Amino acid sequence: MIRFRDFVPTMLERASLDGPARYEPFSQAVEMMNNWVSANDIDVVTVETVVLPNMHRPQAGGPDTASLEAVPQYATTWHQFVRVWYRWDE
């Protein structure tokens, strides 16, 4: 069976009038993925970088949502994360 797992940089600070939201660096997501693969002896098929708009907004649904919308009258923020596709025997 093929599965996937996403490693998304954590939001460190929400957007405010003082500026945009702050997130962990992308390298932190890569490190989390490497640690998970090593600790769980994962049979990796492939690793990819996924870029999605507005995925941290509550109405967006997150990285597992099939369709995310960029609404023209609002600012669109693009986010990247690591997706690992792997084999899993149950």
PDB file of N, CA and C in Angstrom:
ATOM      1  N   MET A   1       0.846  -1.170   0.000  1.00  0.00           N
ATOM      2  CA  MET A   1       0.000   0.000   0.000  1.00  0.00           C
ATOM      3  C   MET A   1       0.902   1.247   0.000  1.00  0.00           C
ATOM      4  N   ILE A   2       0.523   2.259  -0.762  1.00  0.00           N
ATOM      5  CA  ILE A   2       1.259   3.521  -0.812  1.00  0.00           C
ATOM      6  C   ILE A   2       0.526   4.549   0.046  1.00  0.00           C
ATOM      7  N   ARG A   3       1.270   5.236   0.876  1.00  0.00           N
ATOM      8  CA  ARG A   3       0.729   6.307   1.719  1.00  0.00           C
ATOM      9  C   ARG A   3       1.601   7.546   1.565  1.00  0.00           C
ATOM     10  N   PHE A   4       1.119   8.653   2.142  1.00  0.00           N
ATOM     11  CA  PHE A   4       1.961   9.842   2.193  1.00  0.00           C
ATOM     12  C   PHE A   4       1.860  10.483   3.563  1.00  0.00           C
ATOM     13  N   ARG A   5       2.883  11.251   3.885  1.00  0.00           N
ATOM     14  CA  ARG A   5       2.894  12.037   5.124  1.00  0.00           C
ATOM     15  C   ARG A   5       3.499  13.393   4.801  1.00  0.00           C
ATOM     16  N   ASP A   6       2.882  14.438   5.347  1.00  0.00           N
ATOM     17  CA  ASP A   6       3.344  15.802   5.122  1.00  0.00           C
ATOM     18  C   ASP A   6       4.080  16.327   6.347  1.00  0.00           C
ATOM     19  N   PHE A   7       5.104  17.113   6.083  1.00  0.00           N
ATOM     20  CA  PHE A   7       5.875  17.776   7.129  1.00  0.00           C
ATOM     21  C   PHE A   7       5.826  19.266   6.839  1.00  0.00           C
ATOM     22  N   VAL A   8       4.997  19.960   7.619  1.00  0.00           N
ATOM     23  CA  VAL A   8       4.695  21.369   7.381  1.00  0.00           C
ATOM     24  C   VAL A   8       5.412  22.219   8.425  1.00  0.00           C
ATOM     25  N   PRO A   9       6.145  23.250   7.992  1.00  0.00           N
ATOM     26  CA  PRO A   9       6.754  24.151   8.977  1.00  0.00           C
ATOM     27  C   PRO A   9       5.682  24.742   9.904  1.00  0.00           C
ATOM     28  N   THR A  10       5.971  24.768  11.181  1.00  0.00           N
ATOM     29  CA  THR A  10       5.043  25.273  12.187  1.00  0.00           C
ATOM     30  C   THR A  10       4.967  26.796  12.154  1.00  0.00           C
ATOM     31  N   MET A  11       3.757  27.321  12.329  1.00  0.00           N
ATOM     32  CA  MET A  11       3.600  28.767  12.442  1.00  0.00           C
ATOM     33  C   MET A  11       4.116  29.184  13.819  1.00  0.00           C
ATOM     34  N   LEU A  12       5.059  30.111  13.845  1.00  0.00           N
ATOM     35  CA  LEU A  12       5.634  30.584  15.097  1.00  0.00           C
ATOM     36  C   LEU A  12       4.898  31.802  15.635  1.00  0.00           C
ATOM     37  N   GLU A  13       4.387  32.612  14.735  1.00  0.00           N
ATOM     38  CA  GLU A  13       3.716  33.850  15.129  1.00  0.00           C
ATOM     39  C   GLU A  13       2.658  34.190  14.086  1.00  0.00           C
ATOM     40  N   ARG A  14       1.447  34.444  14.535  1.00  0.00           N
ATOM     41  CA  ARG A  14       0.352  34.786  13.623  1.00  0.00           C
ATOM     42  C   ARG A  14       0.574  36.169  13.022  1.00  0.00           C
ATOM     43  N   ALA A  15      -0.013  36.392  11.862  1.00  0.00           N
ATOM     44  CA  ALA A  15       0.053  37.707  11.224  1.00  0.00           C
ATOM     45  C   ALA A  15      -0.652  38.732  12.113  1.00  0.00           C
ATOM     46  N   SER A  16      -0.144  39.945  12.081  1.00  0.00           N
ATOM     47  CA  SER A  16      -0.746  41.019  12.865  1.00  0.00           C
ATOM     48  C   SER A  16      -0.595  42.321  12.089  1.00  0.00           C
ATOM     49  N   LEU A  17      -1.022  43.394  12.690  1.00  0.00           N
ATOM     50  CA  LEU A  17      -0.851  44.702  12.054  1.00  0.00           C
ATOM     51  C   LEU A  17       0.632  45.058  11.921  1.00  0.00           C
ATOM     52  N   ASP A  18       1.463  44.435  12.758  1.00  0.00           N
ATOM     53  CA  ASP A  18       2.904  44.697  12.721  1.00  0.00           C
ATOM     54  C   ASP A  18       3.629  43.953  11.608  1.00  0.00           C
ATOM     55  N   GLY A  19       2.992  42.938  11.027  1.00  0.00           N
ATOM     56  CA  GLY A  19       3.664  42.212   9.955  1.00  0.00           C
ATOM     57  C   GLY A  19       3.038  40.862   9.669  1.00  0.00           C
ATOM     58  N   PRO A  20       3.632  40.157   8.708  1.00  0.00           N
ATOM     59  CA  PRO A  20       3.100  38.850   8.307  1.00  0.00           C
ATOM     60  C   PRO A  20       3.410  37.774   9.352  1.00  0.00           C
ATOM     61  N   ALA A  21       2.762  36.635   9.193  1.00  0.00           N
ATOM     62  CA  ALA A  21       3.024  35.495  10.072  1.00  0.00           C
ATOM     63  C   ALA A  21       4.470  35.035   9.893  1.00  0.00           C
ATOM     64  N   ARG A  22       5.008  34.428  10.952  1.00  0.00           N
ATOM     65  CA  ARG A  22       6.359  33.861  10.892  1.00  0.00           C
ATOM     66  C   ARG A  22       6.252  32.345  11.044  1.00  0.00           C
ATOM     67  N   TYR A  23       7.098  31.630  10.300  1.00  0.00           N
ATOM     68  CA  TYR A  23       7.087  30.167  10.299  1.00  0.00           C
ATOM     69  C   TYR A  23       8.493  29.639  10.534  1.00  0.00           C
ATOM     70  N   GLU A  24       8.564  28.376  10.980  1.00  0.00           N
ATOM     71  CA  GLU A  24       9.857  27.704  11.036  1.00  0.00           C
ATOM     72  C   GLU A  24      10.443  27.681   9.629  1.00  0.00           C
ATOM     73  N   PRO A  25      11.756  27.617   9.511  1.00  0.00           N
ATOM     74  CA  PRO A  25      12.344  27.512   8.173  1.00  0.00           C
ATOM     75  C   PRO A  25      11.997  26.164   7.526  1.00  0.00           C
ATOM     76  N   PHE A  26      12.006  26.149   6.206  1.00  0.00           N
ATOM     77  CA  PHE A  26      11.719  24.932   5.450  1.00  0.00           C
ATOM     78  C   PHE A  26      12.668  23.805   5.863  1.00  0.00           C
ATOM     79  N   SER A  27      13.905  24.153   6.174  1.00  0.00           N
ATOM     80  CA  SER A  27      14.890  23.142   6.584  1.00  0.00           C
ATOM     81  C   SER A  27      14.432  22.381   7.829  1.00  0.00           C
ATOM     82  N   GLN A  28      13.624  23.001   8.672  1.00  0.00           N
ATOM     83  CA  GLN A  28      13.092  22.322   9.858  1.00  0.00           C
ATOM     84  C   GLN A  28      12.135  21.205   9.448  1.00  0.00           C
ATOM     85  N   ALA A  29      11.329  21.445   8.426  1.00  0.00           N
ATOM     86  CA  ALA A  29      10.423  20.406   7.921  1.00  0.00           C
ATOM     87  C   ALA A  29      11.221  19.241   7.336  1.00  0.00           C
ATOM     88  N   VAL A  30      12.299  19.547   6.638  1.00  0.00           N
ATOM     89  CA  VAL A  30      13.160  18.497   6.075  1.00  0.00           C
ATOM     90  C   VAL A  30      13.792  17.681   7.205  1.00  0.00           C
ATOM     91  N   GLU A  31      14.235  18.360   8.251  1.00  0.00           N
ATOM     92  CA  GLU A  31      14.824  17.659   9.393  1.00  0.00           C
ATOM     93  C   GLU A  31      13.789  16.762  10.084  1.00  0.00           C
ATOM     94  N   MET A  32      12.563  17.255  10.264  1.00  0.00           N
ATOM     95  CA  MET A  32      11.499  16.433  10.862  1.00  0.00           C
ATOM     96  C   MET A  32      11.246  15.188  10.013  1.00  0.00           C
ATOM     97  N   MET A  33      11.222  15.358   8.686  1.00  0.00           N
ATOM     98  CA  MET A  33      11.004  14.235   7.782  1.00  0.00           C
ATOM     99  C   MET A  33      12.139  13.220   7.910  1.00  0.00           C
ATOM    100  N   ASN A  34      13.375  13.687   7.903  1.00  0.00           N
ATOM    101  CA  ASN A  34      14.515  12.777   8.025  1.00  0.00           C
ATOM    102  C   ASN A  34      14.478  12.004   9.340  1.00  0.00           C
ATOM    103  N   ASN A  35      14.147  12.671  10.428  1.00  0.00           N
ATOM    104  CA  ASN A  35      14.061  12.004  11.731  1.00  0.00           C
ATOM    105  C   ASN A  35      12.968  10.939  11.736  1.00  0.00           C
ATOM    106  N   TRP A  36      11.817  11.252  11.140  1.00  0.00           N
ATOM    107  CA  TRP A  36      10.704  10.303  11.087  1.00  0.00           C
ATOM    108  C   TRP A  36      11.075   9.080  10.250  1.00  0.00           C
ATOM    109  N   VAL A  37      11.697   9.302   9.095  1.00  0.00           N
ATOM    110  CA  VAL A  37      12.108   8.194   8.221  1.00  0.00           C
ATOM    111  C   VAL A  37      13.097   7.290   8.950  1.00  0.00           C
ATOM    112  N   SER A  38      14.089   7.883   9.616  1.00  0.00           N
ATOM    113  CA  SER A  38      15.104   7.102  10.331  1.00  0.00           C
ATOM    114  C   SER A  38      14.517   6.337  11.513  1.00  0.00           C
ATOM    115  N   ALA A  39      13.684   6.995  12.293  1.00  0.00           N
ATOM    116  CA  ALA A  39      13.136   6.386  13.510  1.00  0.00           C
ATOM    117  C   ALA A  39      12.145   5.266  13.221  1.00  0.00           C
ATOM    118  N   ASN A  40      11.515   5.299  12.052  1.00  0.00           N
ATOM    119  CA  ASN A  40      10.457   4.332  11.748  1.00  0.00           C
ATOM    120  C   ASN A  40      10.802   3.374  10.620  1.00  0.00           C
ATOM    121  N   ASP A  41      12.048   3.389  10.161  1.00  0.00           N
ATOM    122  CA  ASP A  41      12.498   2.497   9.094  1.00  0.00           C
ATOM    123  C   ASP A  41      11.523   2.514   7.913  1.00  0.00           C
ATOM    124  N   ILE A  42      11.255   3.709   7.403  1.00  0.00           N
ATOM    125  CA  ILE A  42      10.270   3.924   6.344  1.00  0.00           C
ATOM    126  C   ILE A  42      10.852   3.561   4.984  1.00  0.00           C
ATOM    127  N   ASP A  43      10.063   2.868   4.166  1.00  0.00           N
ATOM    128  CA  ASP A  43      10.435   2.527   2.793  1.00  0.00           C
ATOM    129  C   ASP A  43       9.955   3.661   1.876  1.00  0.00           C
ATOM    130  N   VAL A  44      10.804   4.658   1.679  1.00  0.00           N
ATOM    131  CA  VAL A  44      10.445   5.862   0.924  1.00  0.00           C
ATOM    132  C   VAL A  44      10.377   5.558  -0.567  1.00  0.00           C
ATOM    133  N   VAL A  45       9.288   5.989  -1.204  1.00  0.00           N
ATOM    134  CA  VAL A  45       9.137   5.891  -2.653  1.00  0.00           C
ATOM    135  C   VAL A  45       9.693   7.153  -3.295  1.00  0.00           C
ATOM    136  N   THR A  46       9.247   8.315  -2.811  1.00  0.00           N
ATOM    137  CA  THR A  46       9.748   9.597  -3.313  1.00  0.00           C
ATOM    138  C   THR A  46       9.452  10.692  -2.291  1.00  0.00           C
ATOM    139  N   VAL A  47      10.167  11.786  -2.422  1.00  0.00           N
ATOM    140  CA  VAL A  47       9.974  12.965  -1.580  1.00  0.00           C
ATOM    141  C   VAL A  47       9.770  14.142  -2.515  1.00  0.00           C
ATOM    142  N   GLU A  48       8.807  15.002  -2.182  1.00  0.00           N
ATOM    143  CA  GLU A  48       8.557  16.167  -3.024  1.00  0.00           C
ATOM    144  C   GLU A  48       8.302  17.402  -2.171  1.00  0.00           C
ATOM    145  N   THR A  49       8.524  18.550  -2.776  1.00  0.00           N
ATOM    146  CA  THR A  49       8.147  19.820  -2.171  1.00  0.00           C
ATOM    147  C   THR A  49       6.814  20.221  -2.775  1.00  0.00           C
ATOM    148  N   VAL A  50       5.850  20.514  -1.921  1.00  0.00           N
ATOM    149  CA  VAL A  50       4.519  20.932  -2.363  1.00  0.00           C
ATOM    150  C   VAL A  50       4.346  22.394  -1.971  1.00  0.00           C
ATOM    151  N   VAL A  51       3.781  23.177  -2.883  1.00  0.00           N
ATOM    152  CA  VAL A  51       3.520  24.593  -2.619  1.00  0.00           C
ATOM    153  C   VAL A  51       2.025  24.837  -2.800  1.00  0.00           C
ATOM    154  N   LEU A  52       1.387  25.360  -1.756  1.00  0.00           N
ATOM    155  CA  LEU A  52      -0.060  25.600  -1.779  1.00  0.00           C
ATOM    156  C   LEU A  52      -0.375  27.002  -1.274  1.00  0.00           C
ATOM    157  N   PRO A  53      -1.465  27.597  -1.773  1.00  0.00           N
ATOM    158  CA  PRO A  53      -1.865  28.913  -1.271  1.00  0.00           C
ATOM    159  C   PRO A  53      -2.711  28.800  -0.006  1.00  0.00           C
ATOM    160  N   ASN A  54      -2.484  29.704   0.910  1.00  0.00           N
ATOM    161  CA  ASN A  54      -3.390  29.931   2.047  1.00  0.00           C
ATOM    162  C   ASN A  54      -3.696  28.709   2.903  1.00  0.00           C
ATOM    163  N   MET A  55      -2.820  27.714   2.960  1.00  0.00           N
ATOM    164  CA  MET A  55      -3.186  26.471   3.638  1.00  0.00           C
ATOM    165  C   MET A  55      -3.278  26.601   5.156  1.00  0.00           C
ATOM    166  N   HIS A  56      -2.782  27.680   5.741  1.00  0.00           N
ATOM    167  CA  HIS A  56      -2.878  27.850   7.192  1.00  0.00           C
ATOM    168  C   HIS A  56      -4.148  28.575   7.615  1.00  0.00           C
ATOM    169  N   ARG A  57      -4.939  29.045   6.666  1.00  0.00           N
ATOM    170  CA  ARG A  57      -6.216  29.680   7.017  1.00  0.00           C
ATOM    171  C   ARG A  57      -7.204  28.593   7.407  1.00  0.00           C
ATOM    172  N   PRO A  58      -7.983  28.818   8.467  1.00  0.00           N
ATOM    173  CA  PRO A  58      -8.915  27.777   8.935  1.00  0.00           C
ATOM    174  C   PRO A  58      -9.857  27.266   7.850  1.00  0.00           C
ATOM    175  N   GLN A  59     -10.344  28.132   6.989  1.00  0.00           N
ATOM    176  CA  GLN A  59     -11.284  27.718   5.951  1.00  0.00           C
ATOM    177  C   GLN A  59     -10.598  26.981   4.800  1.00  0.00           C
ATOM    178  N   ALA A  60      -9.274  27.014   4.747  1.00  0.00           N
ATOM    179  CA  ALA A  60      -8.552  26.381   3.644  1.00  0.00           C
ATOM    180  C   ALA A  60      -8.524  24.862   3.772  1.00  0.00           C
ATOM    181  N   GLY A  61      -8.475  24.331   4.989  1.00  0.00           N
ATOM    182  CA  GLY A  61      -8.524  22.890   5.172  1.00  0.00           C
ATOM    183  C   GLY A  61      -7.175  22.216   5.336  1.00  0.00           C
ATOM    184  N   GLY A  62      -6.060  22.868   5.016  1.00  0.00           N
ATOM    185  CA  GLY A  62      -4.744  22.287   5.211  1.00  0.00           C
ATOM    186  C   GLY A  62      -4.215  21.547   4.006  1.00  0.00           C
ATOM    187  N   PRO A  63      -3.034  20.924   4.156  1.00  0.00           N
ATOM    188  CA  PRO A  63      -2.360  20.305   3.022  1.00  0.00           C
ATOM    189  C   PRO A  63      -3.041  19.064   2.464  1.00  0.00           C
ATOM    190  N   ASP A  64      -3.963  18.459   3.205  1.00  0.00           N
ATOM    191  CA  ASP A  64      -4.639  17.254   2.724  1.00  0.00           C
ATOM    192  C   ASP A  64      -5.919  17.571   1.943  1.00  0.00           C
ATOM    193  N   THR A  65      -6.262  18.844   1.816  1.00  0.00           N
ATOM    194  CA  THR A  65      -7.461  19.255   1.089  1.00  0.00           C
ATOM    195  C   THR A  65      -7.206  19.172  -0.413  1.00  0.00           C
ATOM    196  N   ALA A  66      -8.159  18.633  -1.150  1.00  0.00           N
ATOM    197  CA  ALA A  66      -7.977  18.432  -2.592  1.00  0.00           C
ATOM    198  C   ALA A  66      -7.968  19.732  -3.381  1.00  0.00           C
ATOM    199  N   SER A  67      -8.662  20.759  -2.912  1.00  0.00           N
ATOM    200  CA  SER A  67      -8.760  22.003  -3.669  1.00  0.00           C
ATOM    201  C   SER A  67      -8.668  23.196  -2.731  1.00  0.00           C
ATOM    202  N   LEU A  68      -7.679  24.047  -2.947  1.00  0.00           N
ATOM    203  CA  LEU A  68      -7.530  25.279  -2.179  1.00  0.00           C
ATOM    204  C   LEU A  68      -7.767  26.446  -3.108  1.00  0.00           C
ATOM    205  N   GLU A  69      -8.400  27.472  -2.594  1.00  0.00           N
ATOM    206  CA  GLU A  69      -8.794  28.598  -3.435  1.00  0.00           C
ATOM    207  C   GLU A  69      -8.022  29.857  -3.068  1.00  0.00           C
ATOM    208  N   ALA A  70      -7.599  30.579  -4.082  1.00  0.00           N
ATOM    209  CA  ALA A  70      -7.002  31.895  -3.887  1.00  0.00           C
ATOM    210  C   ALA A  70      -8.055  32.919  -4.288  1.00  0.00           C
ATOM    211  N   VAL A  71      -8.572  33.653  -3.317  1.00  0.00           N
ATOM    212  CA  VAL A  71      -9.639  34.626  -3.565  1.00  0.00           C
ATOM    213  C   VAL A  71      -9.007  35.961  -3.945  1.00  0.00           C
ATOM    214  N   PRO A  72      -9.375  36.525  -5.107  1.00  0.00           N
ATOM    215  CA  PRO A  72      -8.709  37.724  -5.625  1.00  0.00           C
ATOM    216  C   PRO A  72      -8.708  38.936  -4.694  1.00  0.00           C
ATOM    217  N   GLN A  73      -9.763  39.138  -3.904  1.00  0.00           N
ATOM    218  CA  GLN A  73      -9.811  40.344  -3.086  1.00  0.00           C
ATOM    219  C   GLN A  73      -8.990  40.238  -1.800  1.00  0.00           C
ATOM    220  N   TYR A  74      -8.415  39.079  -1.516  1.00  0.00           N
ATOM    221  CA  TYR A  74      -7.586  38.890  -0.330  1.00  0.00           C
ATOM    222  C   TYR A  74      -6.152  38.570  -0.741  1.00  0.00           C
ATOM    223  N   ALA A  75      -5.228  38.876   0.147  1.00  0.00           N
ATOM    224  CA  ALA A  75      -3.827  38.535  -0.116  1.00  0.00           C
ATOM    225  C   ALA A  75      -3.671  37.017  -0.112  1.00  0.00           C
ATOM    226  N   THR A  76      -2.925  36.512  -1.052  1.00  0.00           N
ATOM    227  CA  THR A  76      -2.650  35.083  -1.129  1.00  0.00           C
ATOM    228  C   THR A  76      -1.232  34.833  -0.641  1.00  0.00           C
ATOM    229  N   THR A  77      -1.099  33.929   0.312  1.00  0.00           N
ATOM    230  CA  THR A  77       0.204  33.557   0.839  1.00  0.00           C
ATOM    231  C   THR A  77       0.480  32.122   0.425  1.00  0.00           C
ATOM    232  N   TRP A  78       1.628  31.892  -0.192  1.00  0.00           N
ATOM    233  CA  TRP A  78       1.994  30.552  -0.645  1.00  0.00           C
ATOM    234  C   TRP A  78       2.911  29.907   0.388  1.00  0.00           C
ATOM    235  N   HIS A  79       2.665  28.623   0.666  1.00  0.00           N
ATOM    236  CA  HIS A  79       3.426  27.882   1.671  1.00  0.00           C
ATOM    237  C   HIS A  79       3.998  26.622   1.034  1.00  0.00           C
ATOM    238  N   GLN A  80       5.215  26.274   1.439  1.00  0.00           N
ATOM    239  CA  GLN A  80       5.800  25.030   0.941  1.00  0.00           C
ATOM    240  C   GLN A  80       6.028  24.076   2.107  1.00  0.00           C
ATOM    241  N   PHE A  81       5.918  22.790   1.797  1.00  0.00           N
ATOM    242  CA  PHE A  81       6.152  21.756   2.790  1.00  0.00           C
ATOM    243  C   PHE A  81       6.681  20.514   2.092  1.00  0.00           C
ATOM    244  N   VAL A  82       7.121  19.546   2.883  1.00  0.00           N
ATOM    245  CA  VAL A  82       7.685  18.299   2.366  1.00  0.00           C
ATOM    246  C   VAL A  82       6.610  17.215   2.417  1.00  0.00           C
ATOM    247  N   ARG A  83       6.448  16.490   1.308  1.00  0.00           N
ATOM    248  CA  ARG A  83       5.537  15.337   1.267  1.00  0.00           C
ATOM    249  C   ARG A  83       6.368  14.101   0.955  1.00  0.00           C
ATOM    250  N   VAL A  84       6.219  13.074   1.785  1.00  0.00           N
ATOM    251  CA  VAL A  84       6.917  11.802   1.605  1.00  0.00           C
ATOM    252  C   VAL A  84       5.895  10.751   1.185  1.00  0.00           C
ATOM    253  N   TRP A  85       6.143  10.122   0.054  1.00  0.00           N
ATOM    254  CA  TRP A  85       5.340   8.976  -0.387  1.00  0.00           C
ATOM    255  C   TRP A  85       6.130   7.733   0.004  1.00  0.00           C
ATOM    256  N   TYR A  86       5.449   6.757   0.640  1.00  0.00           N
ATOM    257  CA  TYR A  86       6.158   5.584   1.135  1.00  0.00           C
ATOM    258  C   TYR A  86       5.286   4.335   1.052  1.00  0.00           C
ATOM    259  N   ARG A  87       5.977   3.177   1.091  1.00  0.00           N
ATOM    260  CA  ARG A  87       5.282   1.886   1.095  1.00  0.00           C
ATOM    261  C   ARG A  87       4.973   1.511   2.535  1.00  0.00           C
ATOM    262  N   TRP A  88       3.776   0.964   2.728  1.00  0.00           N
ATOM    263  CA  TRP A  88       3.353   0.576   4.070  1.00  0.00           C
ATOM    264  C   TRP A  88       2.658  -0.773   4.002  1.00  0.00           C
ATOM    265  N   ASP A  89       3.185  -1.743   4.720  1.00  0.00           N
ATOM    266  CA  ASP A  89       2.572  -3.072   4.792  1.00  0.00           C
ATOM    267  C   ASP A  89       1.813  -3.176   6.104  1.00  0.00           C
ATOM    268  N   GLU A  90       0.520  -3.427   6.013  1.00  0.00           N
ATOM    269  CA  GLU A  90      -0.286  -3.531   7.240  1.00  0.00           C
ATOM    270  C   GLU A  90      -0.411  -4.956   7.679  1.00  0.00           C
TER     271      GLU A  90
END
